[in-house]
Amino acid sequence: MSMDPSKWINFESLTSGTRSRIETTYPYLKIEQCMFQEKDSGVFMKQGNSVKIEKLLDPVMDHQPRVNKVTKTRTRK
């Protein structure tokens, strides 16, 4: 995972959809102490000057996953 040190941004700089997803999923997160990176592979977070990076969110899927439905039913004779 390659993280560009110059691309860490504060919470207010994230897109509005990402901000609302983080607030919903992590209501306890102290966002004022965190820096974020939005990438194609998801949203990443680190706290303060820590070197530990955590993946908060997976990327949003633009379409619903395809579900195979079983159309045949078995009957007993």
Protein backbone atom coordinates (compact mmCIF):
# COMPACT_ATOMS: atom_id res chain seq x y z
CA MET A 1 0.00 0.00 0.00
CA SER A 2 1.62 3.17 -1.16
CA MET A 3 0.70 6.29 0.78
CA ASP A 4 1.94 9.64 -0.43
CA PRO A 5 2.79 11.72 2.67
CA SER A 6 1.75 14.92 0.89
CA LYS A 7 -1.79 13.64 0.22
CA TRP A 8 -3.01 13.33 3.80
CA ILE A 9 -6.04 15.61 4.24
CA ASN A 10 -8.30 16.60 7.11
CA PHE A 11 -11.88 15.38 7.50
CA GLU A 12 -13.48 18.49 6.01
CA SER A 13 -11.54 18.00 2.76
CA LEU A 14 -13.10 14.57 2.12
CA THR A 15 -16.03 14.27 -0.28
CA SER A 16 -19.44 14.68 1.36
CA GLY A 17 -20.42 11.06 0.69
CA THR A 18 -17.27 9.79 2.35
CA ARG A 19 -17.75 12.08 5.34
CA SER A 20 -21.29 10.84 5.92
CA ARG A 21 -20.22 7.18 5.57
CA ILE A 22 -17.45 7.69 8.15
CA GLU A 23 -19.79 9.51 10.56
CA THR A 24 -22.35 6.69 10.23
CA THR A 25 -19.91 3.78 10.47
CA TYR A 26 -17.54 5.27 13.07
CA PRO A 27 -19.53 7.66 15.31
CA TYR A 28 -16.91 7.36 18.07
CA LEU A 29 -13.96 8.34 15.84
CA LYS A 30 -12.19 11.53 16.95
CA ILE A 31 -11.95 13.02 13.47
CA GLU A 32 -10.15 16.16 14.62
CA GLN A 33 -7.14 13.98 15.53
CA CYS A 34 -7.05 12.08 12.21
CA MET A 35 -5.77 12.54 8.68
CA PHE A 36 -7.31 10.77 5.69
CA GLN A 37 -6.56 9.61 2.16
CA GLU A 38 -9.24 8.77 -0.40
CA LYS A 39 -8.01 6.30 -2.99
CA ASP A 40 -9.58 4.04 -5.60
CA SER A 41 -9.02 1.14 -3.20
CA GLY A 42 -10.83 2.79 -0.28
CA VAL A 43 -10.50 5.40 2.45
CA PHE A 44 -7.52 5.25 4.81
CA MET A 45 -6.91 6.96 8.13
CA LYS A 46 -4.05 7.64 10.49
CA GLN A 47 -4.16 9.35 13.86
CA GLY A 48 -1.90 12.28 14.63
CA ASN A 49 1.72 11.63 13.73
CA SER A 50 1.30 7.88 14.03
CA VAL A 51 2.76 5.58 11.39
CA LYS A 52 -0.11 3.11 11.72
CA ILE A 53 -2.54 3.34 8.80
CA GLU A 54 -6.01 1.79 8.91
CA LYS A 55 -8.45 1.16 6.09
CA LEU A 56 -11.79 2.63 7.14
CA LEU A 57 -13.98 2.12 4.09
CA ASP A 58 -14.01 -0.03 1.00
CA PRO A 59 -14.74 1.68 -2.31
CA VAL A 60 -18.40 2.30 -3.11
CA MET A 61 -19.76 -0.01 -5.78
CA ASP A 62 -21.55 1.85 -8.57
CA HIS A 63 -23.80 -1.10 -9.27
CA GLN A 64 -25.47 -3.82 -7.27
CA PRO A 65 -23.71 -7.18 -7.22
CA ARG A 66 -25.27 -9.80 -9.39
CA VAL A 67 -27.18 -12.47 -7.51
CA ASN A 68 -27.95 -15.79 -9.12
CA LYS A 69 -31.45 -16.90 -8.26
CA VAL A 70 -32.50 -20.51 -8.28
CA THR A 71 -35.48 -20.89 -10.53
CA LYS A 72 -35.96 -24.64 -10.42
CA THR A 73 -37.56 -26.31 -7.46
CA ARG A 74 -37.33 -29.93 -6.62
CA THR A 75 -40.43 -31.92 -5.95
CA ARG A 76 -40.57 -35.31 -4.28
CA LYS A 77 -42.55 -38.10 -5.76
